[in-house]
N, C-alpha and C. Protein backbone atom coordinates (compact mmCIF):
# COMPACT_ATOMS: atom_id res chain seq x y z
N MET A 1 0.83 -1.19 0.00
CA MET A 1 0.00 0.00 0.00
C MET A 1 0.87 1.24 0.00
N ALA A 2 0.40 2.25 -0.60
CA ALA A 2 1.14 3.52 -0.64
C ALA A 2 1.03 4.20 0.71
N LYS A 3 2.13 4.83 1.11
CA LYS A 3 2.12 5.57 2.37
C LYS A 3 2.38 7.02 2.04
N ARG A 4 1.87 7.91 2.88
CA ARG A 4 2.14 9.33 2.65
C ARG A 4 2.50 9.97 3.98
N LEU A 5 3.27 10.99 3.88
CA LEU A 5 3.68 11.73 5.07
C LEU A 5 2.74 12.90 5.24
N VAL A 6 2.33 13.14 6.47
CA VAL A 6 1.45 14.26 6.78
C VAL A 6 2.21 15.22 7.67
N ALA A 7 2.25 16.48 7.28
CA ALA A 7 2.99 17.47 8.08
C ALA A 7 2.15 17.88 9.27
N SER A 8 2.81 18.00 10.43
CA SER A 8 2.10 18.46 11.63
C SER A 8 2.07 19.98 11.61
N ARG A 9 1.36 20.59 12.56
CA ARG A 9 1.25 22.05 12.62
C ARG A 9 2.60 22.69 12.87
N ALA A 10 3.49 22.00 13.54
CA ALA A 10 4.80 22.57 13.83
C ALA A 10 5.74 22.43 12.65
N GLY A 11 5.27 21.81 11.59
CA GLY A 11 6.10 21.68 10.40
C GLY A 11 6.91 20.40 10.38
N LYS A 12 6.75 19.56 11.38
CA LYS A 12 7.47 18.29 11.41
C LYS A 12 6.63 17.21 10.72
N ALA A 13 7.32 16.27 10.18
CA ALA A 13 6.63 15.16 9.51
C ALA A 13 6.03 14.24 10.55
N ALA A 14 4.77 13.88 10.35
CA ALA A 14 4.08 12.95 11.25
C ALA A 14 4.27 11.54 10.74
N ALA A 15 3.81 10.58 11.51
CA ALA A 15 3.92 9.17 11.11
C ALA A 15 3.12 8.94 9.83
N PRO A 16 3.60 8.07 8.98
CA PRO A 16 2.88 7.79 7.73
C PRO A 16 1.51 7.17 8.01
N LYS A 17 0.50 7.53 7.19
CA LYS A 17 -0.84 6.97 7.29
C LYS A 17 -1.07 6.08 6.08
N PRO A 18 -1.78 5.00 6.27
CA PRO A 18 -2.07 4.14 5.11
C PRO A 18 -3.04 4.84 4.16
N ALA A 19 -2.95 4.53 2.90
CA ALA A 19 -3.87 5.10 1.91
C ALA A 19 -5.29 4.62 2.22
N THR A 20 -6.29 5.48 2.00
CA THR A 20 -7.68 5.14 2.33
C THR A 20 -8.44 4.59 1.12
N ARG A 21 -7.86 4.58 -0.02
CA ARG A 21 -8.54 4.06 -1.21
C ARG A 21 -8.46 2.55 -1.24
N LYS A 22 -9.58 1.92 -1.69
CA LYS A 22 -9.59 0.47 -1.87
C LYS A 22 -8.94 0.18 -3.22
N PRO A 23 -8.30 -0.94 -3.31
CA PRO A 23 -7.74 -1.30 -4.61
C PRO A 23 -8.85 -1.37 -5.66
N ILE A 24 -8.56 -0.94 -6.86
CA ILE A 24 -9.56 -0.87 -7.93
C ILE A 24 -10.16 -2.24 -8.24
N ALA A 25 -9.37 -3.26 -8.27
CA ALA A 25 -9.86 -4.60 -8.62
C ALA A 25 -10.93 -5.06 -7.63
N LYS A 26 -10.72 -4.84 -6.33
CA LYS A 26 -11.69 -5.26 -5.32
C LYS A 26 -12.99 -4.48 -5.45
N ALA A 27 -12.91 -3.18 -5.66
CA ALA A 27 -14.11 -2.34 -5.80
C ALA A 27 -14.91 -2.74 -7.04
N THR A 28 -14.23 -3.02 -8.14
CA THR A 28 -14.90 -3.42 -9.37
C THR A 28 -15.58 -4.77 -9.19
N ALA A 29 -14.92 -5.70 -8.55
CA ALA A 29 -15.50 -7.02 -8.32
C ALA A 29 -16.72 -6.93 -7.40
N ALA A 30 -16.65 -6.09 -6.37
CA ALA A 30 -17.78 -5.93 -5.45
C ALA A 30 -18.98 -5.33 -6.17
N ARG A 31 -18.73 -4.33 -7.04
CA ARG A 31 -19.82 -3.70 -7.82
C ARG A 31 -20.44 -4.71 -8.77
N ALA A 32 -19.62 -5.51 -9.42
CA ALA A 32 -20.12 -6.50 -10.38
C ALA A 32 -20.96 -7.56 -9.67
N ALA A 33 -20.53 -7.99 -8.50
CA ALA A 33 -21.28 -8.99 -7.75
C ALA A 33 -22.63 -8.44 -7.29
N ALA A 34 -22.66 -7.18 -6.88
CA ALA A 34 -23.90 -6.57 -6.40
C ALA A 34 -24.91 -6.37 -7.52
N SER A 35 -24.43 -6.13 -8.74
CA SER A 35 -25.35 -5.87 -9.84
C SER A 35 -25.59 -7.10 -10.71
N ALA A 36 -24.99 -8.24 -10.38
CA ALA A 36 -25.16 -9.45 -11.18
C ALA A 36 -26.61 -9.92 -11.14
N LYS A 37 -27.15 -10.20 -12.31
CA LYS A 37 -28.53 -10.70 -12.39
C LYS A 37 -28.48 -12.22 -12.36
N PRO A 38 -29.48 -12.83 -11.72
CA PRO A 38 -29.50 -14.29 -11.72
C PRO A 38 -29.73 -14.80 -13.15
N ALA A 39 -29.20 -15.94 -13.43
CA ALA A 39 -29.35 -16.50 -14.77
C ALA A 39 -30.83 -16.78 -15.04
N ARG A 40 -31.30 -16.44 -16.21
CA ARG A 40 -32.69 -16.70 -16.58
C ARG A 40 -32.85 -18.15 -16.98
N ARG A 41 -34.02 -18.68 -16.64
CA ARG A 41 -34.33 -20.05 -17.05
C ARG A 41 -34.61 -20.06 -18.56
N ARG A 42 -34.20 -21.10 -19.18
CA ARG A 42 -34.47 -21.24 -20.61
C ARG A 42 -35.96 -21.48 -20.80
N GLN A 43 -36.57 -20.71 -21.68
CA GLN A 43 -38.00 -20.82 -21.92
C GLN A 43 -38.27 -21.12 -23.38
N ARG A 44 -39.46 -21.62 -23.63
CA ARG A 44 -39.88 -21.88 -25.00
C ARG A 44 -41.31 -21.38 -25.17
N ILE A 45 -41.76 -21.33 -26.37
CA ILE A 45 -43.12 -20.89 -26.67
C ILE A 45 -44.10 -21.97 -26.23
N ALA A 46 -45.21 -21.55 -25.65
CA ALA A 46 -46.28 -22.47 -25.27
C ALA A 46 -47.56 -22.01 -25.95
N ILE A 47 -48.18 -22.92 -26.67
CA ILE A 47 -49.46 -22.63 -27.32
C ILE A 47 -50.45 -23.67 -26.84
N SER A 48 -51.61 -23.21 -26.40
CA SER A 48 -52.64 -24.13 -25.92
C SER A 48 -53.98 -23.72 -26.52
N HIS A 49 -54.56 -24.60 -27.32
CA HIS A 49 -55.86 -24.34 -27.92
C HIS A 49 -56.94 -25.03 -27.09
N TYR A 50 -58.11 -24.43 -27.03
CA TYR A 50 -59.21 -24.99 -26.25
C TYR A 50 -59.62 -26.36 -26.79
N ARG A 51 -59.64 -27.33 -25.88
CA ARG A 51 -60.19 -28.65 -26.17
C ARG A 51 -60.88 -29.12 -24.90
N GLU A 52 -62.13 -29.47 -25.02
CA GLU A 52 -62.92 -29.90 -23.86
C GLU A 52 -62.25 -31.06 -23.12
N GLU A 53 -61.65 -31.97 -23.86
CA GLU A 53 -61.04 -33.15 -23.23
C GLU A 53 -59.78 -32.82 -22.42
N ASP A 54 -59.28 -31.60 -22.51
CA ASP A 54 -58.11 -31.21 -21.73
C ASP A 54 -58.43 -30.86 -20.28
N PHE A 55 -59.70 -30.74 -19.94
CA PHE A 55 -60.07 -30.48 -18.54
C PHE A 55 -59.99 -31.79 -17.77
N ALA A 56 -59.11 -31.82 -16.77
CA ALA A 56 -58.88 -33.05 -16.01
C ALA A 56 -59.24 -32.83 -14.54
N ALA A 57 -59.75 -33.89 -13.93
CA ALA A 57 -60.14 -33.82 -12.51
C ALA A 57 -59.00 -34.26 -11.60
N ASP A 58 -57.77 -34.13 -12.05
CA ASP A 58 -56.63 -34.58 -11.25
C ASP A 58 -55.87 -33.43 -10.61
N GLY A 59 -56.59 -32.38 -10.30
CA GLY A 59 -55.95 -31.20 -9.73
C GLY A 59 -56.00 -31.18 -8.21
N LEU A 60 -55.86 -30.01 -7.67
CA LEU A 60 -55.78 -29.80 -6.23
C LEU A 60 -57.11 -30.07 -5.52
N ARG A 61 -58.23 -29.79 -6.17
CA ARG A 61 -59.53 -29.90 -5.51
C ARG A 61 -60.47 -30.83 -6.25
N ALA A 62 -61.29 -31.58 -5.49
CA ALA A 62 -62.22 -32.54 -6.06
C ALA A 62 -63.37 -31.86 -6.80
N TYR A 63 -63.70 -30.64 -6.43
CA TYR A 63 -64.82 -29.92 -7.04
C TYR A 63 -64.39 -29.07 -8.24
N ALA A 64 -63.21 -29.35 -8.78
CA ALA A 64 -62.71 -28.55 -9.90
C ALA A 64 -62.04 -29.43 -10.94
N LYS A 65 -62.13 -28.99 -12.19
CA LYS A 65 -61.38 -29.60 -13.28
C LYS A 65 -60.38 -28.55 -13.75
N TYR A 66 -59.20 -29.00 -14.10
CA TYR A 66 -58.11 -28.11 -14.46
C TYR A 66 -57.67 -28.35 -15.90
N ARG A 67 -57.45 -27.26 -16.62
CA ARG A 67 -56.88 -27.34 -17.97
C ARG A 67 -55.51 -26.69 -17.91
N ASP A 68 -54.49 -27.50 -17.94
CA ASP A 68 -53.11 -27.00 -17.91
C ASP A 68 -52.81 -26.30 -19.23
N LEU A 69 -52.21 -25.12 -19.17
CA LEU A 69 -51.92 -24.34 -20.36
C LEU A 69 -50.48 -24.53 -20.87
N GLY A 70 -49.72 -25.42 -20.23
CA GLY A 70 -48.37 -25.71 -20.70
C GLY A 70 -47.31 -24.71 -20.28
N ILE A 71 -47.66 -23.79 -19.40
CA ILE A 71 -46.73 -22.72 -19.01
C ILE A 71 -45.60 -23.24 -18.12
N ALA A 72 -45.91 -24.15 -17.20
CA ALA A 72 -44.86 -24.67 -16.30
C ALA A 72 -43.74 -25.34 -17.09
N GLU A 73 -44.10 -26.17 -18.03
CA GLU A 73 -43.10 -26.85 -18.84
C GLU A 73 -42.34 -25.86 -19.72
N ALA A 74 -43.06 -24.93 -20.32
CA ALA A 74 -42.43 -23.97 -21.23
C ALA A 74 -41.49 -23.00 -20.51
N THR A 75 -41.75 -22.74 -19.23
CA THR A 75 -40.92 -21.79 -18.48
C THR A 75 -39.94 -22.48 -17.53
N ALA A 76 -39.79 -23.78 -17.67
CA ALA A 76 -38.89 -24.55 -16.79
C ALA A 76 -39.23 -24.32 -15.32
N GLY A 77 -40.53 -24.26 -15.03
CA GLY A 77 -40.98 -24.15 -13.65
C GLY A 77 -41.09 -22.74 -13.10
N LEU A 78 -40.82 -21.74 -13.91
CA LEU A 78 -40.91 -20.36 -13.45
C LEU A 78 -42.34 -19.99 -13.07
N ALA A 79 -43.32 -20.44 -13.85
CA ALA A 79 -44.72 -20.08 -13.62
C ALA A 79 -45.62 -21.24 -14.00
N GLN A 80 -46.85 -21.17 -13.53
CA GLN A 80 -47.88 -22.15 -13.87
C GLN A 80 -49.13 -21.37 -14.24
N ALA A 81 -49.86 -21.85 -15.22
CA ALA A 81 -51.14 -21.23 -15.57
C ALA A 81 -52.10 -22.33 -15.98
N HIS A 82 -53.32 -22.20 -15.49
CA HIS A 82 -54.34 -23.16 -15.85
C HIS A 82 -55.72 -22.51 -15.77
N VAL A 83 -56.67 -23.12 -16.47
CA VAL A 83 -58.06 -22.73 -16.37
C VAL A 83 -58.69 -23.69 -15.38
N ILE A 84 -59.41 -23.14 -14.40
CA ILE A 84 -60.09 -23.94 -13.39
C ILE A 84 -61.58 -23.86 -13.66
N ARG A 85 -62.22 -25.00 -13.82
CA ARG A 85 -63.67 -25.06 -13.99
C ARG A 85 -64.24 -25.66 -12.70
N LEU A 86 -65.02 -24.85 -11.97
CA LEU A 86 -65.65 -25.34 -10.75
C LEU A 86 -66.88 -26.14 -11.16
N VAL A 87 -66.98 -27.39 -10.70
CA VAL A 87 -68.02 -28.30 -11.18
C VAL A 87 -68.96 -28.73 -10.05
N GLY A 88 -70.18 -29.01 -10.44
CA GLY A 88 -71.18 -29.48 -9.49
C GLY A 88 -71.68 -28.35 -8.61
N GLU A 89 -72.69 -28.66 -7.86
CA GLU A 89 -73.24 -27.68 -6.92
C GLU A 89 -72.24 -27.41 -5.81
N CYS A 90 -72.17 -26.18 -5.39
CA CYS A 90 -71.21 -25.80 -4.34
C CYS A 90 -71.58 -26.47 -3.02
N ASP A 91 -70.63 -27.18 -2.45
CA ASP A 91 -70.78 -27.81 -1.14
C ASP A 91 -69.84 -27.08 -0.18
N PRO A 92 -70.40 -26.19 0.67
CA PRO A 92 -69.53 -25.42 1.59
C PRO A 92 -68.60 -26.28 2.44
N ALA A 93 -69.03 -27.48 2.81
CA ALA A 93 -68.16 -28.36 3.61
C ALA A 93 -66.91 -28.76 2.83
N GLU A 94 -67.02 -28.82 1.51
CA GLU A 94 -65.89 -29.19 0.66
C GLU A 94 -65.05 -28.00 0.25
N VAL A 95 -65.72 -26.90 -0.16
CA VAL A 95 -64.98 -25.78 -0.75
C VAL A 95 -64.51 -24.75 0.27
N SER A 96 -65.18 -24.63 1.38
CA SER A 96 -64.87 -23.55 2.33
C SER A 96 -63.81 -23.96 3.35
N LYS A 97 -62.67 -24.40 2.86
CA LYS A 97 -61.56 -24.78 3.73
C LYS A 97 -60.50 -23.69 3.64
N LEU A 98 -60.23 -23.04 4.77
CA LEU A 98 -59.25 -21.97 4.82
C LEU A 98 -57.86 -22.54 4.54
N HIS A 99 -57.14 -21.91 3.61
CA HIS A 99 -55.82 -22.40 3.24
C HIS A 99 -54.99 -21.24 2.68
N TYR A 100 -53.72 -21.52 2.44
CA TYR A 100 -52.85 -20.56 1.76
C TYR A 100 -51.89 -21.32 0.86
N HIS A 101 -51.30 -20.59 -0.06
CA HIS A 101 -50.31 -21.17 -0.96
C HIS A 101 -48.95 -20.53 -0.67
N ASP A 102 -47.95 -21.35 -0.55
CA ASP A 102 -46.59 -20.88 -0.33
C ASP A 102 -45.97 -20.60 -1.70
N ALA A 103 -46.45 -19.50 -2.31
CA ALA A 103 -46.02 -19.12 -3.66
C ALA A 103 -45.61 -17.65 -3.64
N GLU A 104 -44.87 -17.23 -4.64
CA GLU A 104 -44.41 -15.85 -4.73
C GLU A 104 -45.46 -14.92 -5.32
N PHE A 105 -46.30 -15.45 -6.21
CA PHE A 105 -47.29 -14.63 -6.91
C PHE A 105 -48.47 -15.50 -7.29
N GLN A 106 -49.67 -14.96 -7.13
CA GLN A 106 -50.89 -15.67 -7.56
C GLN A 106 -51.89 -14.64 -8.06
N MET A 107 -52.39 -14.87 -9.27
CA MET A 107 -53.39 -14.00 -9.88
C MET A 107 -54.52 -14.87 -10.40
N ILE A 108 -55.75 -14.43 -10.16
CA ILE A 108 -56.91 -15.15 -10.64
C ILE A 108 -57.80 -14.18 -11.43
N TYR A 109 -58.30 -14.65 -12.58
CA TYR A 109 -59.17 -13.87 -13.45
C TYR A 109 -60.42 -14.70 -13.72
N VAL A 110 -61.61 -14.12 -13.55
CA VAL A 110 -62.86 -14.84 -13.78
C VAL A 110 -63.19 -14.78 -15.28
N LEU A 111 -63.14 -15.94 -15.91
CA LEU A 111 -63.45 -16.05 -17.33
C LEU A 111 -64.95 -16.14 -17.57
N ASN A 112 -65.64 -16.82 -16.66
CA ASN A 112 -67.07 -17.06 -16.84
C ASN A 112 -67.73 -17.25 -15.47
N GLY A 113 -68.98 -16.79 -15.34
CA GLY A 113 -69.72 -16.99 -14.10
C GLY A 113 -69.26 -16.07 -12.98
N TRP A 114 -69.36 -16.58 -11.75
CA TRP A 114 -68.95 -15.80 -10.57
C TRP A 114 -68.47 -16.75 -9.48
N VAL A 115 -67.70 -16.19 -8.55
CA VAL A 115 -67.22 -16.94 -7.39
C VAL A 115 -67.20 -15.99 -6.20
N LYS A 116 -67.69 -16.48 -5.06
CA LYS A 116 -67.64 -15.68 -3.82
C LYS A 116 -66.44 -16.19 -3.02
N THR A 117 -65.53 -15.28 -2.71
CA THR A 117 -64.32 -15.66 -1.99
C THR A 117 -64.25 -14.96 -0.63
N TYR A 118 -63.43 -15.50 0.23
CA TYR A 118 -63.02 -14.82 1.45
C TYR A 118 -61.50 -14.77 1.39
N ILE A 119 -60.94 -13.57 1.55
CA ILE A 119 -59.49 -13.39 1.59
C ILE A 119 -59.17 -12.64 2.87
N ASP A 120 -58.26 -13.20 3.67
CA ASP A 120 -57.87 -12.59 4.93
C ASP A 120 -57.40 -11.15 4.69
N GLY A 121 -57.98 -10.21 5.41
CA GLY A 121 -57.63 -8.81 5.26
C GLY A 121 -58.52 -8.07 4.27
N GLU A 122 -59.27 -8.81 3.46
CA GLU A 122 -60.16 -8.22 2.46
C GLU A 122 -61.62 -8.54 2.77
N GLY A 123 -61.85 -9.72 3.33
CA GLY A 123 -63.22 -10.15 3.63
C GLY A 123 -63.83 -10.89 2.46
N GLU A 124 -65.17 -10.94 2.45
CA GLU A 124 -65.90 -11.62 1.38
C GLU A 124 -66.09 -10.69 0.19
N THR A 125 -65.90 -11.25 -0.99
CA THR A 125 -66.08 -10.49 -2.23
C THR A 125 -66.66 -11.42 -3.28
N VAL A 126 -67.62 -10.94 -4.04
CA VAL A 126 -68.12 -11.69 -5.19
C VAL A 126 -67.35 -11.21 -6.41
N MET A 127 -66.67 -12.14 -7.03
CA MET A 127 -65.90 -11.86 -8.25
C MET A 127 -66.73 -12.35 -9.42
N ARG A 128 -66.98 -11.47 -10.37
CA ARG A 128 -67.81 -11.80 -11.53
C ARG A 128 -66.95 -11.87 -12.80
N GLN A 129 -67.56 -12.33 -13.88
CA GLN A 129 -66.86 -12.41 -15.15
C GLN A 129 -66.12 -11.09 -15.41
N GLY A 130 -64.83 -11.19 -15.67
CA GLY A 130 -64.00 -10.00 -15.90
C GLY A 130 -63.28 -9.50 -14.65
N SER A 131 -63.65 -10.00 -13.47
CA SER A 131 -62.96 -9.61 -12.23
C SER A 131 -61.59 -10.29 -12.18
N CYS A 132 -60.66 -9.60 -11.56
CA CYS A 132 -59.30 -10.11 -11.44
C CYS A 132 -58.77 -9.73 -10.06
N TRP A 133 -58.00 -10.61 -9.44
CA TRP A 133 -57.39 -10.26 -8.15
C TRP A 133 -56.09 -11.03 -7.97
N THR A 134 -55.27 -10.50 -7.09
CA THR A 134 -54.04 -11.18 -6.69
C THR A 134 -54.16 -11.58 -5.24
N GLN A 135 -53.43 -12.59 -4.88
CA GLN A 135 -53.36 -13.04 -3.49
C GLN A 135 -51.89 -13.02 -3.09
N PRO A 136 -51.52 -12.15 -2.16
CA PRO A 136 -50.12 -12.09 -1.73
C PRO A 136 -49.65 -13.44 -1.18
N PRO A 137 -48.35 -13.66 -1.16
CA PRO A 137 -47.82 -14.92 -0.63
C PRO A 137 -48.38 -15.23 0.76
N ARG A 138 -48.83 -16.46 0.92
CA ARG A 138 -49.29 -17.02 2.19
C ARG A 138 -50.55 -16.34 2.76
N VAL A 139 -51.30 -15.60 1.96
CA VAL A 139 -52.54 -15.00 2.46
C VAL A 139 -53.59 -16.11 2.56
N LYS A 140 -54.29 -16.15 3.67
CA LYS A 140 -55.32 -17.16 3.90
C LYS A 140 -56.57 -16.80 3.10
N HIS A 141 -57.18 -17.80 2.48
CA HIS A 141 -58.36 -17.55 1.66
C HIS A 141 -59.17 -18.84 1.51
N LEU A 142 -60.39 -18.67 0.99
CA LEU A 142 -61.24 -19.81 0.69
C LEU A 142 -62.34 -19.39 -0.27
N ILE A 143 -63.04 -20.37 -0.81
CA ILE A 143 -64.19 -20.11 -1.67
C ILE A 143 -65.43 -20.34 -0.83
N ARG A 144 -66.39 -19.42 -0.92
CA ARG A 144 -67.67 -19.56 -0.19
C ARG A 144 -68.76 -20.15 -1.08
N ASP A 145 -68.77 -19.76 -2.37
CA ASP A 145 -69.83 -20.19 -3.27
C ASP A 145 -69.39 -19.90 -4.70
N TYR A 146 -70.05 -20.52 -5.67
CA TYR A 146 -69.74 -20.25 -7.07
C TYR A 146 -70.93 -20.62 -7.95
N SER A 147 -70.96 -20.02 -9.14
CA SER A 147 -72.03 -20.32 -10.10
C SER A 147 -71.74 -21.66 -10.77
N ASP A 148 -72.77 -22.21 -11.40
CA ASP A 148 -72.60 -23.51 -12.05
C ASP A 148 -71.80 -23.43 -13.35
N ASN A 149 -71.46 -22.23 -13.80
CA ASN A 149 -70.65 -22.07 -15.02
C ASN A 149 -69.34 -21.33 -14.74
N CYS A 150 -68.84 -21.43 -13.52
CA CYS A 150 -67.66 -20.67 -13.13
C CYS A 150 -66.38 -21.26 -13.72
N GLU A 151 -65.62 -20.40 -14.41
CA GLU A 151 -64.30 -20.75 -14.91
C GLU A 151 -63.33 -19.63 -14.56
N LEU A 152 -62.16 -20.01 -14.08
CA LEU A 152 -61.14 -19.06 -13.62
C LEU A 152 -59.82 -19.33 -14.34
N LEU A 153 -59.09 -18.29 -14.62
CA LEU A 153 -57.72 -18.41 -15.10
C LEU A 153 -56.83 -18.09 -13.90
N GLU A 154 -55.91 -19.00 -13.59
CA GLU A 154 -55.01 -18.79 -12.46
C GLU A 154 -53.57 -18.86 -12.95
N VAL A 155 -52.77 -17.87 -12.51
CA VAL A 155 -51.34 -17.83 -12.81
C VAL A 155 -50.60 -17.78 -11.47
N ILE A 156 -49.64 -18.69 -11.31
CA ILE A 156 -48.91 -18.80 -10.04
C ILE A 156 -47.41 -18.91 -10.33
N LEU A 157 -46.63 -18.23 -9.50
CA LEU A 157 -45.17 -18.35 -9.56
C LEU A 157 -44.66 -18.77 -8.20
N PRO A 158 -43.77 -19.73 -8.14
CA PRO A 158 -43.29 -20.61 -9.19
C PRO A 158 -44.33 -21.71 -9.49
N ALA A 159 -44.01 -22.55 -10.47
CA ALA A 159 -44.95 -23.60 -10.87
C ALA A 159 -45.19 -24.61 -9.75
N GLN A 160 -44.17 -24.93 -9.02
CA GLN A 160 -44.29 -25.85 -7.89
C GLN A 160 -44.40 -25.04 -6.60
N PHE A 161 -45.46 -25.27 -5.84
CA PHE A 161 -45.67 -24.55 -4.59
C PHE A 161 -46.42 -25.45 -3.63
N ARG A 162 -46.44 -25.07 -2.40
CA ARG A 162 -47.10 -25.85 -1.36
C ARG A 162 -48.42 -25.19 -0.99
N THR A 163 -49.48 -25.99 -0.81
CA THR A 163 -50.77 -25.52 -0.32
C THR A 163 -50.93 -26.04 1.10
N VAL A 164 -51.27 -25.14 2.02
CA VAL A 164 -51.39 -25.51 3.43
C VAL A 164 -52.80 -25.20 3.90
N GLU A 165 -53.50 -26.23 4.38
CA GLU A 165 -54.82 -26.04 4.95
C GLU A 165 -54.66 -25.53 6.39
N VAL A 166 -55.43 -24.51 6.74
CA VAL A 166 -55.34 -23.90 8.06
C VAL A 166 -56.50 -24.40 8.91
N LYS A 167 -56.20 -24.93 10.05
CA LYS A 167 -57.25 -25.41 10.95
C LYS A 167 -57.89 -24.22 11.65
N ALA A 168 -59.22 -24.23 11.69
CA ALA A 168 -59.96 -23.11 12.31
C ALA A 168 -59.87 -23.12 13.81
């Protein structure tokens, strides 16, 4: 390190002080590390055309059929998107289970019909065709009721997430 002499008030040389500048290489490396972006996942185009036979009852809930839109595979797990068709008459004992999703982002858009939801901090809301809402990570929510033609578009990040049922 470079040293410099500092003159005292009496005109005598004082003890050398170390230089206060950081070496350029270390400062540049620290800046580069702080601004480094995480590597993006390789993605591909996903196209999904409507086909009635694509609605499957192998999803999260027994009262719903899910149409996977191919987003999870196309984004290497970055996101998931599916159309949810709520089927049969609403049974509050089945649908009204308080739960949350351990996900970073969740958005729901009503494609058809209506759904009555409860979201912690928001209360009960009837979402109709064209309504859209987000649910912050781990927010507790449930469905209270729905129309017989209810279809929802749901987008969640990441594609794999945990759903936790909350005991009342």
